[in-house]
Amino acid sequence: MQVDARGARCPVPVLRLARAVRDLPAGTTAEVLATDPAVQHDVPAWAGMRGHEVLLVAEDAGVWCVRVRTGGRSSAAAAGAPGR
């Protein structure tokens, strides 16, 4: 799955990626394309908080690609909801 957030500024690329992967099963690969260089830091920080694995952070001609593999933790568990 690919999320195109080119032209959007922080925090929009991370929010779009988070929404796109919310209900995907663990092990799914998704990537966001963005022109805002903040994604090179923002997406890995978000992924770490949500239990996802960063597979790639790369830039080519001003477009950043950050690829993640979804983890096994649900959004509620990763957010610290009761019942973990």
PDB file of N, CA and C in Angstrom:
ATOM      1  N   MET A   1       0.840  -1.165   0.000  1.00  0.00           N
ATOM      2  CA  MET A   1       0.000   0.000   0.000  1.00  0.00           C
ATOM      3  C   MET A   1       0.889   1.233   0.000  1.00  0.00           C
ATOM      4  N   GLN A   2       0.442   2.252  -0.721  1.00  0.00           N
ATOM      5  CA  GLN A   2       1.214   3.480  -0.803  1.00  0.00           C
ATOM      6  C   GLN A   2       0.321   4.675  -0.491  1.00  0.00           C
ATOM      7  N   VAL A   3       0.828   5.581   0.326  1.00  0.00           N
ATOM      8  CA  VAL A   3       0.139   6.812   0.671  1.00  0.00           C
ATOM      9  C   VAL A   3       0.921   7.953   0.029  1.00  0.00           C
ATOM     10  N   ASP A   4       0.257   8.716  -0.813  1.00  0.00           N
ATOM     11  CA  ASP A   4       0.907   9.837  -1.476  1.00  0.00           C
ATOM     12  C   ASP A   4       0.584  11.108  -0.706  1.00  0.00           C
ATOM     13  N   ALA A   5       1.567  11.634  -0.001  1.00  0.00           N
ATOM     14  CA  ALA A   5       1.389  12.858   0.774  1.00  0.00           C
ATOM     15  C   ALA A   5       2.310  13.953   0.256  1.00  0.00           C
ATOM     16  N   ARG A   6       2.705  13.850  -1.009  1.00  0.00           N
ATOM     17  CA  ARG A   6       3.561  14.884  -1.590  1.00  0.00           C
ATOM     18  C   ARG A   6       2.827  16.221  -1.567  1.00  0.00           C
ATOM     19  N   GLY A   7       3.543  17.256  -1.149  1.00  0.00           N
ATOM     20  CA  GLY A   7       2.970  18.589  -1.065  1.00  0.00           C
ATOM     21  C   GLY A   7       2.359  18.903   0.291  1.00  0.00           C
ATOM     22  N   ALA A   8       2.123  17.904   1.114  1.00  0.00           N
ATOM     23  CA  ALA A   8       1.546  18.112   2.447  1.00  0.00           C
ATOM     24  C   ALA A   8       2.659  18.335   3.459  1.00  0.00           C
ATOM     25  N   ARG A   9       2.382  19.151   4.441  1.00  0.00           N
ATOM     26  CA  ARG A   9       3.353  19.452   5.492  1.00  0.00           C
ATOM     27  C   ARG A   9       3.000  18.685   6.759  1.00  0.00           C
ATOM     28  N   CYS A  10       3.981  18.563   7.636  1.00  0.00           N
ATOM     29  CA  CYS A  10       3.820  17.920   8.927  1.00  0.00           C
ATOM     30  C   CYS A  10       2.639  18.554   9.667  1.00  0.00           C
ATOM     31  N   PRO A  11       1.803  17.757  10.267  1.00  0.00           N
ATOM     32  CA  PRO A  11       1.831  16.317  10.509  1.00  0.00           C
ATOM     33  C   PRO A  11       1.022  15.490   9.515  1.00  0.00           C
ATOM     34  N   VAL A  12       0.571  16.093   8.419  1.00  0.00           N
ATOM     35  CA  VAL A  12      -0.347  15.427   7.495  1.00  0.00           C
ATOM     36  C   VAL A  12       0.183  14.094   6.953  1.00  0.00           C
ATOM     37  N   PRO A  13       1.438  13.984   6.509  1.00  0.00           N
ATOM     38  CA  PRO A  13       1.890  12.686   5.998  1.00  0.00           C
ATOM     39  C   PRO A  13       1.769  11.551   7.020  1.00  0.00           C
ATOM     40  N   VAL A  14       2.132  11.813   8.262  1.00  0.00           N
ATOM     41  CA  VAL A  14       2.029  10.782   9.300  1.00  0.00           C
ATOM     42  C   VAL A  14       0.564  10.443   9.567  1.00  0.00           C
ATOM     43  N   LEU A  15      -0.282  11.447   9.628  1.00  0.00           N
ATOM     44  CA  LEU A  15      -1.707  11.207   9.875  1.00  0.00           C
ATOM     45  C   LEU A  15      -2.331  10.371   8.763  1.00  0.00           C
ATOM     46  N   ARG A  16      -1.975  10.658   7.517  1.00  0.00           N
ATOM     47  CA  ARG A  16      -2.506   9.874   6.392  1.00  0.00           C
ATOM     48  C   ARG A  16      -2.024   8.429   6.453  1.00  0.00           C
ATOM     49  N   LEU A  17      -0.748   8.231   6.771  1.00  0.00           N
ATOM     50  CA  LEU A  17      -0.222   6.873   6.882  1.00  0.00           C
ATOM     51  C   LEU A  17      -0.899   6.133   8.030  1.00  0.00           C
ATOM     52  N   ALA A  18      -1.043   6.784   9.170  1.00  0.00           N
ATOM     53  CA  ALA A  18      -1.678   6.156  10.330  1.00  0.00           C
ATOM     54  C   ALA A  18      -3.101   5.730  10.002  1.00  0.00           C
ATOM     55  N   ARG A  19      -3.852   6.581   9.334  1.00  0.00           N
ATOM     56  CA  ARG A  19      -5.218   6.254   8.951  1.00  0.00           C
ATOM     57  C   ARG A  19      -5.238   5.078   7.968  1.00  0.00           C
ATOM     58  N   ALA A  20      -4.297   5.053   7.042  1.00  0.00           N
ATOM     59  CA  ALA A  20      -4.270   4.015   6.020  1.00  0.00           C
ATOM     60  C   ALA A  20      -3.964   2.629   6.591  1.00  0.00           C
ATOM     61  N   VAL A  21      -3.135   2.564   7.635  1.00  0.00           N
ATOM     62  CA  VAL A  21      -2.733   1.256   8.175  1.00  0.00           C
ATOM     63  C   VAL A  21      -3.540   0.825   9.386  1.00  0.00           C
ATOM     64  N   ARG A  22      -4.441   1.677   9.843  1.00  0.00           N
ATOM     65  CA  ARG A  22      -5.171   1.436  11.093  1.00  0.00           C
ATOM     66  C   ARG A  22      -5.751   0.027  11.204  1.00  0.00           C
ATOM     67  N   ASP A  23      -6.401  -0.465  10.172  1.00  0.00           N
ATOM     68  CA  ASP A  23      -7.089  -1.752  10.241  1.00  0.00           C
ATOM     69  C   ASP A  23      -6.387  -2.864   9.457  1.00  0.00           C
ATOM     70  N   LEU A  24      -5.148  -2.618   9.055  1.00  0.00           N
ATOM     71  CA  LEU A  24      -4.417  -3.635   8.297  1.00  0.00           C
ATOM     72  C   LEU A  24      -3.852  -4.697   9.235  1.00  0.00           C
ATOM     73  N   PRO A  25      -3.748  -5.929   8.755  1.00  0.00           N
ATOM     74  CA  PRO A  25      -3.169  -6.985   9.596  1.00  0.00           C
ATOM     75  C   PRO A  25      -1.663  -6.790   9.799  1.00  0.00           C
ATOM     76  N   ALA A  26      -1.164  -7.367  10.867  1.00  0.00           N
ATOM     77  CA  ALA A  26       0.266  -7.330  11.146  1.00  0.00           C
ATOM     78  C   ALA A  26       1.029  -7.937   9.975  1.00  0.00           C
ATOM     79  N   GLY A  27       2.154  -7.346   9.668  1.00  0.00           N
ATOM     80  CA  GLY A  27       2.995  -7.850   8.585  1.00  0.00           C
ATOM     81  C   GLY A  27       2.747  -7.178   7.252  1.00  0.00           C
ATOM     82  N   THR A  28       1.779  -6.285   7.188  1.00  0.00           N
ATOM     83  CA  THR A  28       1.494  -5.566   5.958  1.00  0.00           C
ATOM     84  C   THR A  28       2.538  -4.472   5.755  1.00  0.00           C
ATOM     85  N   THR A  29       2.982  -4.310   4.521  1.00  0.00           N
ATOM     86  CA  THR A  29       3.947  -3.260   4.204  1.00  0.00           C
ATOM     87  C   THR A  29       3.213  -2.069   3.614  1.00  0.00           C
ATOM     88  N   ALA A  30       3.551  -0.892   4.110  1.00  0.00           N
ATOM     89  CA  ALA A  30       2.966   0.353   3.606  1.00  0.00           C
ATOM     90  C   ALA A  30       4.076   1.388   3.516  1.00  0.00           C
ATOM     91  N   GLU A  31       3.885   2.338   2.609  1.00  0.00           N
ATOM     92  CA  GLU A  31       4.870   3.397   2.499  1.00  0.00           C
ATOM     93  C   GLU A  31       4.179   4.728   2.262  1.00  0.00           C
ATOM     94  N   VAL A  32       4.857   5.768   2.692  1.00  0.00           N
ATOM     95  CA  VAL A  32       4.370   7.121   2.456  1.00  0.00           C
ATOM     96  C   VAL A  32       5.397   7.850   1.605  1.00  0.00           C
ATOM     97  N   LEU A  33       4.912   8.577   0.613  1.00  0.00           N
ATOM     98  CA  LEU A  33       5.747   9.446  -0.204  1.00  0.00           C
ATOM     99  C   LEU A  33       5.439  10.868   0.215  1.00  0.00           C
ATOM    100  N   ALA A  34       6.463  11.659   0.487  1.00  0.00           N
ATOM    101  CA  ALA A  34       6.262  13.023   0.954  1.00  0.00           C
ATOM    102  C   ALA A  34       7.408  13.913   0.516  1.00  0.00           C
ATOM    103  N   THR A  35       7.090  15.176   0.335  1.00  0.00           N
ATOM    104  CA  THR A  35       8.121  16.159   0.004  1.00  0.00           C
ATOM    105  C   THR A  35       8.589  16.916   1.238  1.00  0.00           C
ATOM    106  N   ASP A  36       7.909  16.744   2.360  1.00  0.00           N
ATOM    107  CA  ASP A  36       8.323  17.375   3.616  1.00  0.00           C
ATOM    108  C   ASP A  36       9.405  16.508   4.261  1.00  0.00           C
ATOM    109  N   PRO A  37      10.631  17.026   4.392  1.00  0.00           N
ATOM    110  CA  PRO A  37      11.709  16.213   4.949  1.00  0.00           C
ATOM    111  C   PRO A  37      11.482  15.775   6.398  1.00  0.00           C
ATOM    112  N   ALA A  38      10.509  16.358   7.072  1.00  0.00           N
ATOM    113  CA  ALA A  38      10.219  15.951   8.449  1.00  0.00           C
ATOM    114  C   ALA A  38       9.779  14.492   8.537  1.00  0.00           C
ATOM    115  N   VAL A  39       9.277  13.910   7.435  1.00  0.00           N
ATOM    116  CA  VAL A  39       8.825  12.510   7.491  1.00  0.00           C
ATOM    117  C   VAL A  39       9.960  11.553   7.823  1.00  0.00           C
ATOM    118  N   GLN A  40      11.201  11.932   7.514  1.00  0.00           N
ATOM    119  CA  GLN A  40      12.320  11.041   7.814  1.00  0.00           C
ATOM    120  C   GLN A  40      12.480  10.827   9.313  1.00  0.00           C
ATOM    121  N   HIS A  41      11.950  11.742  10.122  1.00  0.00           N
ATOM    122  CA  HIS A  41      11.988  11.614  11.574  1.00  0.00           C
ATOM    123  C   HIS A  41      10.616  11.271  12.149  1.00  0.00           C
ATOM    124  N   ASP A  42       9.581  11.898  11.596  1.00  0.00           N
ATOM    125  CA  ASP A  42       8.227  11.744  12.138  1.00  0.00           C
ATOM    126  C   ASP A  42       7.678  10.330  11.986  1.00  0.00           C
ATOM    127  N   VAL A  43       7.829   9.743  10.814  1.00  0.00           N
ATOM    128  CA  VAL A  43       7.277   8.401  10.594  1.00  0.00           C
ATOM    129  C   VAL A  43       7.994   7.365  11.463  1.00  0.00           C
ATOM    130  N   PRO A  44       9.331   7.337  11.530  1.00  0.00           N
ATOM    131  CA  PRO A  44       9.966   6.374  12.436  1.00  0.00           C
ATOM    132  C   PRO A  44       9.555   6.557  13.903  1.00  0.00           C
ATOM    133  N   ALA A  45       9.369   7.800  14.344  1.00  0.00           N
ATOM    134  CA  ALA A  45       8.930   8.028  15.727  1.00  0.00           C
ATOM    135  C   ALA A  45       7.528   7.464  15.934  1.00  0.00           C
ATOM    136  N   TRP A  46       6.629   7.738  15.012  1.00  0.00           N
ATOM    137  CA  TRP A  46       5.259   7.212  15.081  1.00  0.00           C
ATOM    138  C   TRP A  46       5.279   5.690  15.040  1.00  0.00           C
ATOM    139  N   ALA A  47       6.070   5.119  14.113  1.00  0.00           N
ATOM    140  CA  ALA A  47       6.128   3.660  13.968  1.00  0.00           C
ATOM    141  C   ALA A  47       6.604   3.004  15.260  1.00  0.00           C
ATOM    142  N   GLY A  48       7.599   3.583  15.887  1.00  0.00           N
ATOM    143  CA  GLY A  48       8.100   3.029  17.144  1.00  0.00           C
ATOM    144  C   GLY A  48       7.052   3.033  18.238  1.00  0.00           C
ATOM    145  N   MET A  49       6.244   4.086  18.298  1.00  0.00           N
ATOM    146  CA  MET A  49       5.187   4.166  19.308  1.00  0.00           C
ATOM    147  C   MET A  49       4.048   3.189  19.034  1.00  0.00           C
ATOM    148  N   ARG A  50       3.893   2.780  17.785  1.00  0.00           N
ATOM    149  CA  ARG A  50       2.779   1.909  17.404  1.00  0.00           C
ATOM    150  C   ARG A  50       3.177   0.450  17.202  1.00  0.00           C
ATOM    151  N   GLY A  51       4.450   0.148  17.390  1.00  0.00           N
ATOM    152  CA  GLY A  51       4.892  -1.234  17.248  1.00  0.00           C
ATOM    153  C   GLY A  51       5.119  -1.668  15.813  1.00  0.00           C
ATOM    154  N   HIS A  52       5.343  -0.693  14.918  1.00  0.00           N
ATOM    155  CA  HIS A  52       5.625  -1.003  13.515  1.00  0.00           C
ATOM    156  C   HIS A  52       7.143  -0.980  13.286  1.00  0.00           C
ATOM    157  N   GLU A  53       7.569  -1.621  12.236  1.00  0.00           N
ATOM    158  CA  GLU A  53       9.002  -1.688  11.906  1.00  0.00           C
ATOM    159  C   GLU A  53       9.291  -0.821  10.685  1.00  0.00           C
ATOM    160  N   VAL A  54      10.283   0.045  10.784  1.00  0.00           N
ATOM    161  CA  VAL A  54      10.701   0.869   9.644  1.00  0.00           C
ATOM    162  C   VAL A  54      11.618   0.033   8.764  1.00  0.00           C
ATOM    163  N   LEU A  55      11.259  -0.085   7.500  1.00  0.00           N
ATOM    164  CA  LEU A  55      12.041  -0.881   6.549  1.00  0.00           C
ATOM    165  C   LEU A  55      12.946  -0.019   5.674  1.00  0.00           C
ATOM    166  N   LEU A  56      12.527   1.215   5.419  1.00  0.00           N
ATOM    167  CA  LEU A  56      13.273   2.062   4.489  1.00  0.00           C
ATOM    168  C   LEU A  56      12.983   3.519   4.771  1.00  0.00           C
ATOM    169  N   VAL A  57      14.031   4.324   4.734  1.00  0.00           N
ATOM    170  CA  VAL A  57      13.907   5.780   4.728  1.00  0.00           C
ATOM    171  C   VAL A  57      14.856   6.239   3.628  1.00  0.00           C
ATOM    172  N   ALA A  58      14.294   6.807   2.557  1.00  0.00           N
ATOM    173  CA  ALA A  58      15.126   7.199   1.420  1.00  0.00           C
ATOM    174  C   ALA A  58      14.564   8.457   0.772  1.00  0.00           C
ATOM    175  N   GLU A  59      15.449   9.199   0.124  1.00  0.00           N
ATOM    176  CA  GLU A  59      15.069  10.416  -0.577  1.00  0.00           C
ATOM    177  C   GLU A  59      15.587  10.344  -1.998  1.00  0.00           C
ATOM    178  N   ASP A  60      14.765  10.769  -2.946  1.00  0.00           N
ATOM    179  CA  ASP A  60      15.168  10.814  -4.345  1.00  0.00           C
ATOM    180  C   ASP A  60      14.498  12.018  -4.996  1.00  0.00           C
ATOM    181  N   ALA A  61      15.297  12.930  -5.481  1.00  0.00           N
ATOM    182  CA  ALA A  61      14.805  14.117  -6.181  1.00  0.00           C
ATOM    183  C   ALA A  61      13.785  14.899  -5.359  1.00  0.00           C
ATOM    184  N   GLY A  62      14.031  14.996  -4.053  1.00  0.00           N
ATOM    185  CA  GLY A  62      13.162  15.785  -3.191  1.00  0.00           C
ATOM    186  C   GLY A  62      11.924  15.076  -2.679  1.00  0.00           C
ATOM    187  N   VAL A  63      11.789  13.805  -3.017  1.00  0.00           N
ATOM    188  CA  VAL A  63      10.642  13.029  -2.528  1.00  0.00           C
ATOM    189  C   VAL A  63      11.160  11.972  -1.557  1.00  0.00           C
ATOM    190  N   TRP A  64      10.618  12.008  -0.350  1.00  0.00           N
ATOM    191  CA  TRP A  64      10.979  11.034   0.681  1.00  0.00           C
ATOM    192  C   TRP A  64      10.052   9.847   0.617  1.00  0.00           C
ATOM    193  N   CYS A  65      10.618   8.668   0.795  1.00  0.00           N
ATOM    194  CA  CYS A  65       9.845   7.434   0.884  1.00  0.00           C
ATOM    195  C   CYS A  65      10.200   6.786   2.222  1.00  0.00           C
ATOM    196  N   VAL A  66       9.179   6.542   3.023  1.00  0.00           N
ATOM    197  CA  VAL A  66       9.381   5.831   4.279  1.00  0.00           C
ATOM    198  C   VAL A  66       8.457   4.620   4.252  1.00  0.00           C
ATOM    199  N   ARG A  67       9.059   3.441   4.339  1.00  0.00           N
ATOM    200  CA  ARG A  67       8.319   2.176   4.267  1.00  0.00           C
ATOM    201  C   ARG A  67       8.310   1.522   5.642  1.00  0.00           C
ATOM    202  N   VAL A  68       7.145   1.028   6.038  1.00  0.00           N
ATOM    203  CA  VAL A  68       6.997   0.366   7.333  1.00  0.00           C
ATOM    204  C   VAL A  68       6.274  -0.966   7.160  1.00  0.00           C
ATOM    205  N   ARG A  69       6.547  -1.855   8.099  1.00  0.00           N
ATOM    206  CA  ARG A  69       5.802  -3.114   8.198  1.00  0.00           C
ATOM    207  C   ARG A  69       4.980  -3.013   9.472  1.00  0.00           C
ATOM    208  N   THR A  70       3.669  -3.238   9.340  1.00  0.00           N
ATOM    209  CA  THR A  70       2.807  -3.105  10.509  1.00  0.00           C
ATOM    210  C   THR A  70       3.130  -4.186  11.525  1.00  0.00           C
ATOM    211  N   GLY A  71       3.040  -3.777  12.793  1.00  0.00           N
ATOM    212  CA  GLY A  71       3.328  -4.690  13.890  1.00  0.00           C
ATOM    213  C   GLY A  71       2.093  -5.416  14.363  1.00  0.00           C
ATOM    214  N   GLY A  72       2.285  -6.203  15.405  1.00  0.00           N
ATOM    215  CA  GLY A  72       1.204  -7.021  15.912  1.00  0.00           C
ATOM    216  C   GLY A  72       0.353  -6.368  16.967  1.00  0.00           C
ATOM    217  N   ARG A  73       0.749  -5.169  17.413  1.00  0.00           N
ATOM    218  CA  ARG A  73      -0.015  -4.510  18.463  1.00  0.00           C
ATOM    219  C   ARG A  73      -1.156  -3.724  17.851  1.00  0.00           C
ATOM    220  N   SER A  74      -2.314  -3.804  18.452  1.00  0.00           N
ATOM    221  CA  SER A  74      -3.462  -3.038  17.976  1.00  0.00           C
ATOM    222  C   SER A  74      -3.252  -1.569  18.291  1.00  0.00           C
ATOM    223  N   SER A  75      -4.006  -0.723  17.646  1.00  0.00           N
ATOM    224  CA  SER A  75      -3.901   0.719  17.882  1.00  0.00           C
ATOM    225  C   SER A  75      -4.220   1.044  19.334  1.00  0.00           C
ATOM    226  N   ALA A  76      -5.225   0.403  19.902  1.00  0.00           N
ATOM    227  CA  ALA A  76      -5.619   0.681  21.285  1.00  0.00           C
ATOM    228  C   ALA A  76      -4.501   0.265  22.250  1.00  0.00           C
ATOM    229  N   ALA A  77      -3.927  -0.902  22.031  1.00  0.00           N
ATOM    230  CA  ALA A  77      -2.858  -1.367  22.912  1.00  0.00           C
ATOM    231  C   ALA A  77      -1.635  -0.475  22.804  1.00  0.00           C
ATOM    232  N   ALA A  78      -1.305  -0.085  21.593  1.00  0.00           N
ATOM    233  CA  ALA A  78      -0.140   0.753  21.393  1.00  0.00           C
ATOM    234  C   ALA A  78      -0.338   2.135  21.996  1.00  0.00           C
ATOM    235  N   ALA A  79      -1.569   2.572  22.069  1.00  0.00           N
ATOM    236  CA  ALA A  79      -1.863   3.894  22.628  1.00  0.00           C
ATOM    237  C   ALA A  79      -1.934   3.872  24.146  1.00  0.00           C
ATOM    238  N   GLY A  80      -1.780   2.690  24.748  1.00  0.00           N
ATOM    239  CA  GLY A  80      -1.782   2.603  26.203  1.00  0.00           C
ATOM    240  C   GLY A  80      -3.154   2.419  26.793  1.00  0.00           C
ATOM    241  N   ALA A  81      -4.078   1.913  26.010  1.00  0.00           N
ATOM    242  CA  ALA A  81      -5.454   1.714  26.509  1.00  0.00           C
ATOM    243  C   ALA A  81      -5.474   0.613  27.569  1.00  0.00           C
ATOM    244  N   PRO A  82      -6.422   0.687  28.486  1.00  0.00           N
ATOM    245  CA  PRO A  82      -6.550  -0.360  29.515  1.00  0.00           C
ATOM    246  C   PRO A  82      -6.751  -1.737  28.887  1.00  0.00           C
ATOM    247  N   GLY A  83      -6.324  -2.743  29.569  1.00  0.00           N
ATOM    248  CA  GLY A  83      -6.508  -4.102  29.092  1.00  0.00           C
ATOM    249  C   GLY A  83      -5.330  -4.661  28.328  1.00  0.00           C
ATOM    250  N   ARG A  84      -4.215  -3.969  28.352  1.00  0.00           N
ATOM    251  CA  ARG A  84      -3.033  -4.453  27.632  1.00  0.00           C
ATOM    252  C   ARG A  84      -2.519  -5.709  28.225  1.00  0.00           C
TER     253      ARG A  84
END
